[in-house]
Amino acid sequence: MTRAIYPGSFDPVTYGHLDIIKRSASMFEEVVVGVLNNSAKHPLFSTEERVNMLKESTKDFPNVSVICFDGLLIDYMKEHDISVIVRGLRAVTDFEYELQIAQSNRIVSKETIDTVFLTTSIDYAYLSSSIVREYASYGTDVSDFVPEFVAKKLRNRFQ
């Protein structure tokens, strides 16, 4: 069984993220969405809130699960028998950064870890969580970028 993981901070989950999850779910038998618990970052939403938003957003995908994790991705993958990392690419700059990480993961893991790069759908090529947070912080309606329940959470957070 081919298991893949799509890691990220998802602060908040966007339609771009959901596009990558949906497409990954059609490619792999199981997709684990891994929410990073990174103490160096100061996310808008807690890890638990981000996990819950993703669970709600992906509830119609039977082969998708959502977890949170600390530490190195490759360690989590080894412990849970996952061999593929899914990453979304919006631009060439994303590719350069992600390629460097993919290559170092293969060397450090001492095992075969493959990274699959999916280019974002053109509808979401401009979209990032930081853009969504910025608009929402000024009271802009972000329902074109995120599911309505996430837009509501953003409105409530910035009131």
N, C-alpha and C. Protein backbone atom coordinates (compact mmCIF):
# COMPACT_ATOMS: atom_id res chain seq x y z
N MET A 1 0.84 -1.18 0.00
CA MET A 1 0.00 0.00 0.00
C MET A 1 0.89 1.24 0.00
N THR A 2 0.65 2.14 -0.94
CA THR A 2 1.44 3.35 -1.02
C THR A 2 0.79 4.43 -0.16
N ARG A 3 1.54 4.86 0.86
CA ARG A 3 1.08 5.91 1.75
C ARG A 3 1.92 7.15 1.48
N ALA A 4 1.24 8.29 1.43
CA ALA A 4 1.92 9.56 1.21
C ALA A 4 1.55 10.51 2.34
N ILE A 5 2.43 11.47 2.56
CA ILE A 5 2.16 12.50 3.55
C ILE A 5 2.28 13.87 2.90
N TYR A 6 1.35 14.73 3.21
CA TYR A 6 1.35 16.11 2.74
C TYR A 6 1.55 16.99 3.98
N PRO A 7 2.79 17.41 4.24
CA PRO A 7 3.06 18.18 5.45
C PRO A 7 2.92 19.68 5.21
N GLY A 8 2.59 20.39 6.26
CA GLY A 8 2.53 21.85 6.15
C GLY A 8 2.03 22.45 7.45
N SER A 9 2.00 23.77 7.47
CA SER A 9 1.48 24.44 8.66
C SER A 9 -0.02 24.68 8.54
N PHE A 10 -0.53 24.87 7.33
CA PHE A 10 -1.97 25.00 7.09
C PHE A 10 -2.61 26.03 8.03
N ASP A 11 -2.06 27.23 8.03
CA ASP A 11 -2.48 28.26 8.97
C ASP A 11 -3.04 29.48 8.26
N PRO A 12 -4.23 29.41 7.70
CA PRO A 12 -5.22 28.32 7.71
C PRO A 12 -5.15 27.50 6.43
N VAL A 13 -5.95 26.43 6.39
CA VAL A 13 -6.09 25.64 5.18
C VAL A 13 -6.77 26.50 4.12
N THR A 14 -6.29 26.40 2.88
CA THR A 14 -6.84 27.17 1.76
C THR A 14 -7.37 26.22 0.70
N TYR A 15 -8.07 26.80 -0.28
CA TYR A 15 -8.52 25.98 -1.41
C TYR A 15 -7.32 25.43 -2.19
N GLY A 16 -6.20 26.10 -2.18
CA GLY A 16 -4.99 25.56 -2.82
C GLY A 16 -4.54 24.28 -2.14
N HIS A 17 -4.51 24.29 -0.80
CA HIS A 17 -4.16 23.07 -0.06
C HIS A 17 -5.14 21.95 -0.37
N LEU A 18 -6.42 22.29 -0.38
CA LEU A 18 -7.44 21.26 -0.61
C LEU A 18 -7.36 20.68 -2.01
N ASP A 19 -6.95 21.50 -2.97
CA ASP A 19 -6.74 21.01 -4.33
C ASP A 19 -5.62 19.96 -4.35
N ILE A 20 -4.53 20.23 -3.67
CA ILE A 20 -3.41 19.29 -3.61
C ILE A 20 -3.85 18.01 -2.88
N ILE A 21 -4.61 18.15 -1.80
CA ILE A 21 -5.08 16.98 -1.05
C ILE A 21 -5.99 16.12 -1.93
N LYS A 22 -6.93 16.75 -2.60
CA LYS A 22 -7.86 16.00 -3.47
C LYS A 22 -7.11 15.25 -4.56
N ARG A 23 -6.18 15.91 -5.21
CA ARG A 23 -5.43 15.27 -6.28
C ARG A 23 -4.53 14.15 -5.75
N SER A 24 -3.94 14.36 -4.58
CA SER A 24 -3.10 13.33 -3.96
C SER A 24 -3.93 12.11 -3.60
N ALA A 25 -5.14 12.36 -3.10
CA ALA A 25 -6.02 11.26 -2.69
C ALA A 25 -6.39 10.36 -3.87
N SER A 26 -6.38 10.93 -5.08
CA SER A 26 -6.67 10.10 -6.25
C SER A 26 -5.43 9.35 -6.75
N MET A 27 -4.26 9.73 -6.25
CA MET A 27 -3.01 9.11 -6.69
C MET A 27 -2.49 8.02 -5.75
N PHE A 28 -2.81 8.16 -4.46
CA PHE A 28 -2.25 7.26 -3.45
C PHE A 28 -3.37 6.56 -2.69
N GLU A 29 -3.03 5.37 -2.19
CA GLU A 29 -4.03 4.61 -1.44
C GLU A 29 -4.41 5.31 -0.14
N GLU A 30 -3.44 5.97 0.47
CA GLU A 30 -3.71 6.72 1.70
C GLU A 30 -2.87 7.99 1.69
N VAL A 31 -3.49 9.09 2.09
CA VAL A 31 -2.78 10.37 2.23
C VAL A 31 -2.95 10.84 3.67
N VAL A 32 -1.84 11.08 4.30
CA VAL A 32 -1.83 11.63 5.65
C VAL A 32 -1.48 13.11 5.52
N VAL A 33 -2.35 13.97 6.02
CA VAL A 33 -2.07 15.40 6.04
C VAL A 33 -1.42 15.67 7.39
N GLY A 34 -0.17 16.09 7.35
CA GLY A 34 0.59 16.28 8.58
C GLY A 34 0.73 17.75 8.93
N VAL A 35 0.10 18.13 10.03
CA VAL A 35 0.17 19.52 10.49
C VAL A 35 1.40 19.66 11.38
N LEU A 36 2.29 20.54 10.98
CA LEU A 36 3.52 20.75 11.72
C LEU A 36 3.26 21.53 12.99
N ASN A 37 3.81 21.04 14.08
CA ASN A 37 3.78 21.75 15.35
C ASN A 37 5.17 22.31 15.54
N ASN A 38 5.40 23.51 15.02
CA ASN A 38 6.73 24.12 15.01
C ASN A 38 6.77 25.23 16.05
N SER A 39 7.50 25.01 17.13
CA SER A 39 7.56 25.99 18.21
C SER A 39 8.27 27.28 17.80
N ALA A 40 9.02 27.25 16.70
CA ALA A 40 9.71 28.45 16.23
C ALA A 40 8.76 29.43 15.53
N LYS A 41 7.62 28.92 15.08
CA LYS A 41 6.63 29.76 14.40
C LYS A 41 5.56 30.18 15.39
N HIS A 42 4.89 31.26 15.07
CA HIS A 42 3.79 31.75 15.90
C HIS A 42 2.52 31.77 15.05
N PRO A 43 1.88 30.61 14.94
CA PRO A 43 0.71 30.52 14.06
C PRO A 43 -0.49 31.29 14.62
N LEU A 44 -1.37 31.66 13.72
CA LEU A 44 -2.61 32.33 14.09
C LEU A 44 -3.53 31.35 14.83
N PHE A 45 -3.58 30.10 14.34
CA PHE A 45 -4.42 29.07 14.92
C PHE A 45 -3.56 28.02 15.61
N SER A 46 -4.07 27.47 16.70
CA SER A 46 -3.34 26.40 17.40
C SER A 46 -3.26 25.16 16.51
N THR A 47 -2.38 24.26 16.88
CA THR A 47 -2.27 23.00 16.14
C THR A 47 -3.60 22.27 16.13
N GLU A 48 -4.26 22.22 17.28
CA GLU A 48 -5.55 21.54 17.38
C GLU A 48 -6.59 22.19 16.47
N GLU A 49 -6.62 23.50 16.41
CA GLU A 49 -7.57 24.20 15.53
C GLU A 49 -7.29 23.89 14.07
N ARG A 50 -6.02 23.89 13.70
CA ARG A 50 -5.65 23.60 12.31
C ARG A 50 -6.00 22.17 11.93
N VAL A 51 -5.74 21.23 12.84
CA VAL A 51 -6.10 19.82 12.59
C VAL A 51 -7.61 19.70 12.41
N ASN A 52 -8.37 20.34 13.28
CA ASN A 52 -9.83 20.26 13.19
C ASN A 52 -10.35 20.89 11.91
N MET A 53 -9.77 22.03 11.48
CA MET A 53 -10.19 22.64 10.22
C MET A 53 -9.92 21.70 9.05
N LEU A 54 -8.78 21.05 9.07
CA LEU A 54 -8.44 20.12 7.99
C LEU A 54 -9.33 18.89 8.02
N LYS A 55 -9.63 18.37 9.20
CA LYS A 55 -10.52 17.21 9.29
C LYS A 55 -11.89 17.55 8.72
N GLU A 56 -12.40 18.72 9.05
CA GLU A 56 -13.70 19.14 8.52
C GLU A 56 -13.61 19.31 7.00
N SER A 57 -12.54 19.89 6.52
CA SER A 57 -12.38 20.17 5.09
C SER A 57 -12.18 18.92 4.25
N THR A 58 -11.66 17.85 4.86
CA THR A 58 -11.35 16.63 4.11
C THR A 58 -12.27 15.46 4.47
N LYS A 59 -13.34 15.72 5.17
CA LYS A 59 -14.21 14.64 5.65
C LYS A 59 -14.80 13.80 4.54
N ASP A 60 -14.87 14.32 3.32
CA ASP A 60 -15.44 13.57 2.19
C ASP A 60 -14.40 12.72 1.45
N PHE A 61 -13.17 12.72 1.93
CA PHE A 61 -12.11 11.91 1.31
C PHE A 61 -11.81 10.73 2.23
N PRO A 62 -12.32 9.54 1.91
CA PRO A 62 -12.17 8.40 2.82
C PRO A 62 -10.73 7.94 3.03
N ASN A 63 -9.85 8.24 2.11
CA ASN A 63 -8.46 7.78 2.24
C ASN A 63 -7.52 8.87 2.74
N VAL A 64 -8.08 9.94 3.32
CA VAL A 64 -7.27 11.03 3.86
C VAL A 64 -7.46 11.08 5.37
N SER A 65 -6.34 11.14 6.09
CA SER A 65 -6.39 11.34 7.54
C SER A 65 -5.55 12.57 7.87
N VAL A 66 -5.79 13.14 9.03
CA VAL A 66 -5.09 14.36 9.45
C VAL A 66 -4.47 14.10 10.82
N ILE A 67 -3.19 14.43 10.93
CA ILE A 67 -2.47 14.25 12.20
C ILE A 67 -1.63 15.51 12.44
N CYS A 68 -1.10 15.63 13.65
CA CYS A 68 -0.07 16.65 13.89
C CYS A 68 1.18 15.92 14.35
N PHE A 69 2.31 16.54 14.15
CA PHE A 69 3.55 15.93 14.58
C PHE A 69 4.60 16.98 14.89
N ASP A 70 5.55 16.59 15.72
CA ASP A 70 6.72 17.40 16.06
C ASP A 70 7.94 16.72 15.46
N GLY A 71 9.01 17.45 15.36
CA GLY A 71 10.27 16.83 14.95
C GLY A 71 10.42 16.72 13.45
N LEU A 72 11.32 15.85 13.06
CA LEU A 72 11.63 15.70 11.64
C LEU A 72 10.57 14.88 10.92
N LEU A 73 10.19 15.35 9.77
CA LEU A 73 9.22 14.64 8.94
C LEU A 73 9.70 13.23 8.62
N ILE A 74 10.97 13.09 8.29
CA ILE A 74 11.48 11.78 7.90
C ILE A 74 11.41 10.78 9.05
N ASP A 75 11.54 11.26 10.29
CA ASP A 75 11.39 10.36 11.45
C ASP A 75 9.94 9.89 11.57
N TYR A 76 9.00 10.81 11.40
CA TYR A 76 7.59 10.43 11.45
C TYR A 76 7.27 9.42 10.35
N MET A 77 7.80 9.67 9.16
CA MET A 77 7.55 8.78 8.03
C MET A 77 8.08 7.37 8.32
N LYS A 78 9.27 7.30 8.86
CA LYS A 78 9.88 6.00 9.16
C LYS A 78 9.04 5.24 10.19
N GLU A 79 8.58 5.94 11.23
CA GLU A 79 7.79 5.30 12.29
C GLU A 79 6.44 4.81 11.79
N HIS A 80 5.91 5.44 10.72
CA HIS A 80 4.56 5.13 10.25
C HIS A 80 4.52 4.53 8.84
N ASP A 81 5.68 4.06 8.37
CA ASP A 81 5.76 3.36 7.10
C ASP A 81 5.18 4.18 5.94
N ILE A 82 5.61 5.42 5.85
CA ILE A 82 5.20 6.31 4.75
C ILE A 82 6.44 6.57 3.90
N SER A 83 6.30 6.44 2.59
CA SER A 83 7.47 6.56 1.72
C SER A 83 7.45 7.73 0.75
N VAL A 84 6.33 8.45 0.69
CA VAL A 84 6.20 9.53 -0.29
C VAL A 84 5.77 10.82 0.40
N ILE A 85 6.43 11.90 0.04
CA ILE A 85 6.06 13.24 0.49
C ILE A 85 5.40 13.94 -0.69
N VAL A 86 4.29 14.59 -0.44
CA VAL A 86 3.61 15.39 -1.47
C VAL A 86 3.85 16.86 -1.15
N ARG A 87 4.24 17.60 -2.16
CA ARG A 87 4.45 19.04 -2.00
C ARG A 87 3.80 19.76 -3.18
N GLY A 88 3.16 20.86 -2.87
CA GLY A 88 2.56 21.69 -3.91
C GLY A 88 3.52 22.79 -4.32
N LEU A 89 3.55 23.07 -5.60
CA LEU A 89 4.43 24.11 -6.13
C LEU A 89 3.61 25.20 -6.81
N ARG A 90 3.85 26.45 -6.42
CA ARG A 90 3.17 27.57 -7.05
C ARG A 90 4.06 28.26 -8.08
N ALA A 91 5.35 28.31 -7.80
CA ALA A 91 6.27 29.07 -8.66
C ALA A 91 7.64 28.40 -8.66
N VAL A 92 8.50 28.90 -9.51
CA VAL A 92 9.86 28.37 -9.62
C VAL A 92 10.58 28.48 -8.29
N THR A 93 10.36 29.55 -7.56
CA THR A 93 11.03 29.71 -6.27
C THR A 93 10.62 28.60 -5.30
N ASP A 94 9.36 28.18 -5.34
CA ASP A 94 8.93 27.04 -4.52
C ASP A 94 9.72 25.80 -4.90
N PHE A 95 9.91 25.57 -6.20
CA PHE A 95 10.61 24.38 -6.66
C PHE A 95 12.05 24.35 -6.15
N GLU A 96 12.75 25.45 -6.24
CA GLU A 96 14.15 25.48 -5.80
C GLU A 96 14.27 25.12 -4.33
N TYR A 97 13.42 25.68 -3.51
CA TYR A 97 13.43 25.41 -2.07
C TYR A 97 13.04 23.96 -1.80
N GLU A 98 11.97 23.49 -2.41
CA GLU A 98 11.47 22.14 -2.17
C GLU A 98 12.42 21.07 -2.69
N LEU A 99 13.09 21.33 -3.80
CA LEU A 99 14.06 20.38 -4.34
C LEU A 99 15.22 20.19 -3.36
N GLN A 100 15.69 21.26 -2.79
CA GLN A 100 16.77 21.19 -1.81
C GLN A 100 16.36 20.34 -0.60
N ILE A 101 15.16 20.54 -0.12
CA ILE A 101 14.67 19.75 1.02
C ILE A 101 14.51 18.28 0.61
N ALA A 102 13.94 18.04 -0.57
CA ALA A 102 13.73 16.66 -1.03
C ALA A 102 15.06 15.91 -1.13
N GLN A 103 16.06 16.56 -1.67
CA GLN A 103 17.36 15.91 -1.82
C GLN A 103 18.01 15.63 -0.47
N SER A 104 17.92 16.58 0.44
CA SER A 104 18.52 16.36 1.77
C SER A 104 17.75 15.28 2.54
N ASN A 105 16.42 15.22 2.39
CA ASN A 105 15.64 14.16 3.05
C ASN A 105 16.10 12.78 2.62
N ARG A 106 16.39 12.63 1.33
CA ARG A 106 16.84 11.32 0.84
C ARG A 106 18.18 10.93 1.44
N ILE A 107 19.06 11.90 1.61
CA ILE A 107 20.39 11.61 2.16
C ILE A 107 20.31 11.32 3.66
N VAL A 108 19.59 12.15 4.39
CA VAL A 108 19.51 12.01 5.84
C VAL A 108 18.72 10.77 6.25
N SER A 109 17.69 10.42 5.51
CA SER A 109 16.84 9.29 5.90
C SER A 109 17.52 7.95 5.72
N LYS A 110 18.50 7.86 4.86
CA LYS A 110 19.18 6.59 4.56
C LYS A 110 18.23 5.55 3.99
N GLU A 111 17.04 5.98 3.62
CA GLU A 111 16.04 5.09 3.02
C GLU A 111 15.47 5.81 1.80
N THR A 112 14.69 5.08 1.04
CA THR A 112 14.09 5.69 -0.13
C THR A 112 12.87 6.50 0.28
N ILE A 113 13.01 7.79 0.21
CA ILE A 113 11.89 8.69 0.41
C ILE A 113 11.78 9.49 -0.88
N ASP A 114 10.64 9.38 -1.50
CA ASP A 114 10.41 10.12 -2.73
C ASP A 114 9.52 11.31 -2.44
N THR A 115 9.75 12.38 -3.17
CA THR A 115 8.90 13.56 -3.07
C THR A 115 8.21 13.75 -4.41
N VAL A 116 6.90 13.88 -4.35
CA VAL A 116 6.10 14.12 -5.54
C VAL A 116 5.68 15.58 -5.50
N PHE A 117 6.02 16.29 -6.57
CA PHE A 117 5.66 17.70 -6.67
C PHE A 117 4.42 17.85 -7.55
N LEU A 118 3.41 18.49 -7.02
CA LEU A 118 2.21 18.77 -7.79
C LEU A 118 2.12 20.28 -8.00
N THR A 119 2.04 20.68 -9.25
CA THR A 119 1.85 22.11 -9.49
C THR A 119 0.42 22.47 -9.14
N THR A 120 0.27 23.62 -8.54
CA THR A 120 -1.07 24.04 -8.14
C THR A 120 -1.91 24.31 -9.37
N SER A 121 -3.20 24.13 -9.19
CA SER A 121 -4.12 24.50 -10.26
C SER A 121 -3.98 26.00 -10.48
N ILE A 122 -4.14 26.42 -11.70
CA ILE A 122 -3.97 27.83 -12.05
C ILE A 122 -4.89 28.72 -11.21
N ASP A 123 -6.03 28.20 -10.81
CA ASP A 123 -6.96 28.97 -9.99
C ASP A 123 -6.38 29.36 -8.65
N TYR A 124 -5.37 28.63 -8.17
CA TYR A 124 -4.82 28.87 -6.84
C TYR A 124 -3.33 29.20 -6.85
N ALA A 125 -2.76 29.47 -7.99
CA ALA A 125 -1.32 29.68 -8.10
C ALA A 125 -0.82 30.88 -7.29
N TYR A 126 -1.67 31.82 -7.03
CA TYR A 126 -1.30 33.03 -6.29
C TYR A 126 -1.54 32.89 -4.79
N LEU A 127 -2.22 31.85 -4.37
CA LEU A 127 -2.79 31.76 -3.03
C LEU A 127 -1.82 31.18 -2.01
N SER A 128 -1.77 31.82 -0.85
CA SER A 128 -1.00 31.30 0.29
C SER A 128 -1.75 31.63 1.57
N SER A 129 -1.45 30.88 2.62
CA SER A 129 -2.07 31.14 3.91
C SER A 129 -1.73 32.53 4.42
N SER A 130 -0.50 32.98 4.16
CA SER A 130 -0.12 34.31 4.65
C SER A 130 -0.92 35.41 3.95
N ILE A 131 -1.22 35.24 2.67
CA ILE A 131 -2.06 36.22 1.96
C ILE A 131 -3.46 36.22 2.57
N VAL A 132 -4.00 35.03 2.84
CA VAL A 132 -5.33 34.92 3.43
C VAL A 132 -5.35 35.61 4.80
N ARG A 133 -4.35 35.35 5.63
CA ARG A 133 -4.29 35.97 6.96
C ARG A 133 -4.22 37.49 6.85
N GLU A 134 -3.43 37.97 5.91
CA GLU A 134 -3.28 39.42 5.73
C GLU A 134 -4.61 40.06 5.35
N TYR A 135 -5.28 39.53 4.35
CA TYR A 135 -6.58 40.08 3.96
C TYR A 135 -7.57 40.01 5.12
N ALA A 136 -7.63 38.85 5.78
CA ALA A 136 -8.59 38.67 6.87
C ALA A 136 -8.31 39.65 8.02
N SER A 137 -7.05 39.96 8.26
CA SER A 137 -6.70 40.87 9.36
C SER A 137 -7.26 42.27 9.13
N TYR A 138 -7.55 42.62 7.87
CA TYR A 138 -8.13 43.92 7.55
C TYR A 138 -9.63 43.84 7.29
N GLY A 139 -10.22 42.70 7.62
CA GLY A 139 -11.66 42.56 7.51
C GLY A 139 -12.16 42.22 6.12
N THR A 140 -11.26 41.88 5.21
CA THR A 140 -11.65 41.51 3.85
C THR A 140 -12.28 40.12 3.83
N ASP A 141 -13.32 39.95 3.05
CA ASP A 141 -13.96 38.65 2.88
C ASP A 141 -12.99 37.71 2.16
N VAL A 142 -12.66 36.60 2.79
CA VAL A 142 -11.71 35.65 2.20
C VAL A 142 -12.38 34.34 1.78
N SER A 143 -13.70 34.38 1.63
CA SER A 143 -14.42 33.14 1.30
C SER A 143 -14.12 32.63 -0.11
N ASP A 144 -13.47 33.42 -0.96
CA ASP A 144 -13.02 32.91 -2.26
C ASP A 144 -11.75 32.08 -2.12
N PHE A 145 -11.09 32.17 -0.97
CA PHE A 145 -9.80 31.53 -0.76
C PHE A 145 -9.85 30.31 0.16
N VAL A 146 -10.86 30.27 1.03
CA VAL A 146 -10.95 29.23 2.05
C VAL A 146 -12.41 28.79 2.18
N PRO A 147 -12.65 27.58 2.71
CA PRO A 147 -14.03 27.17 2.97
C PRO A 147 -14.72 28.19 3.89
N GLU A 148 -16.04 28.30 3.76
CA GLU A 148 -16.78 29.32 4.52
C GLU A 148 -16.58 29.20 6.03
N PHE A 149 -16.54 27.98 6.56
CA PHE A 149 -16.35 27.84 8.01
C PHE A 149 -14.98 28.34 8.45
N VAL A 150 -13.97 28.24 7.57
CA VAL A 150 -12.64 28.77 7.88
C VAL A 150 -12.67 30.30 7.80
N ALA A 151 -13.37 30.84 6.80
CA ALA A 151 -13.51 32.29 6.70
C ALA A 151 -14.16 32.85 7.96
N LYS A 152 -15.16 32.14 8.48
CA LYS A 152 -15.83 32.58 9.70
C LYS A 152 -14.88 32.56 10.89
N LYS A 153 -14.06 31.52 10.99
CA LYS A 153 -13.07 31.45 12.07
C LYS A 153 -12.08 32.61 11.97
N LEU A 154 -11.70 32.96 10.74
CA LEU A 154 -10.79 34.10 10.56
C LEU A 154 -11.47 35.41 10.98
N ARG A 155 -12.73 35.58 10.57
CA ARG A 155 -13.46 36.80 10.98
C ARG A 155 -13.51 36.91 12.49
N ASN A 156 -13.83 35.80 13.14
CA ASN A 156 -13.91 35.80 14.60
C ASN A 156 -12.56 36.07 15.26
N ARG A 157 -11.50 35.55 14.67
CA ARG A 157 -10.16 35.74 15.24
C ARG A 157 -9.72 37.20 15.19
N PHE A 158 -10.12 37.88 14.13
CA PHE A 158 -9.66 39.26 13.94
C PHE A 158 -10.65 40.32 14.43
N GLN A 159 -11.75 39.92 15.03
CA GLN A 159 -12.72 40.91 15.55
C GLN A 159 -12.23 41.50 16.85
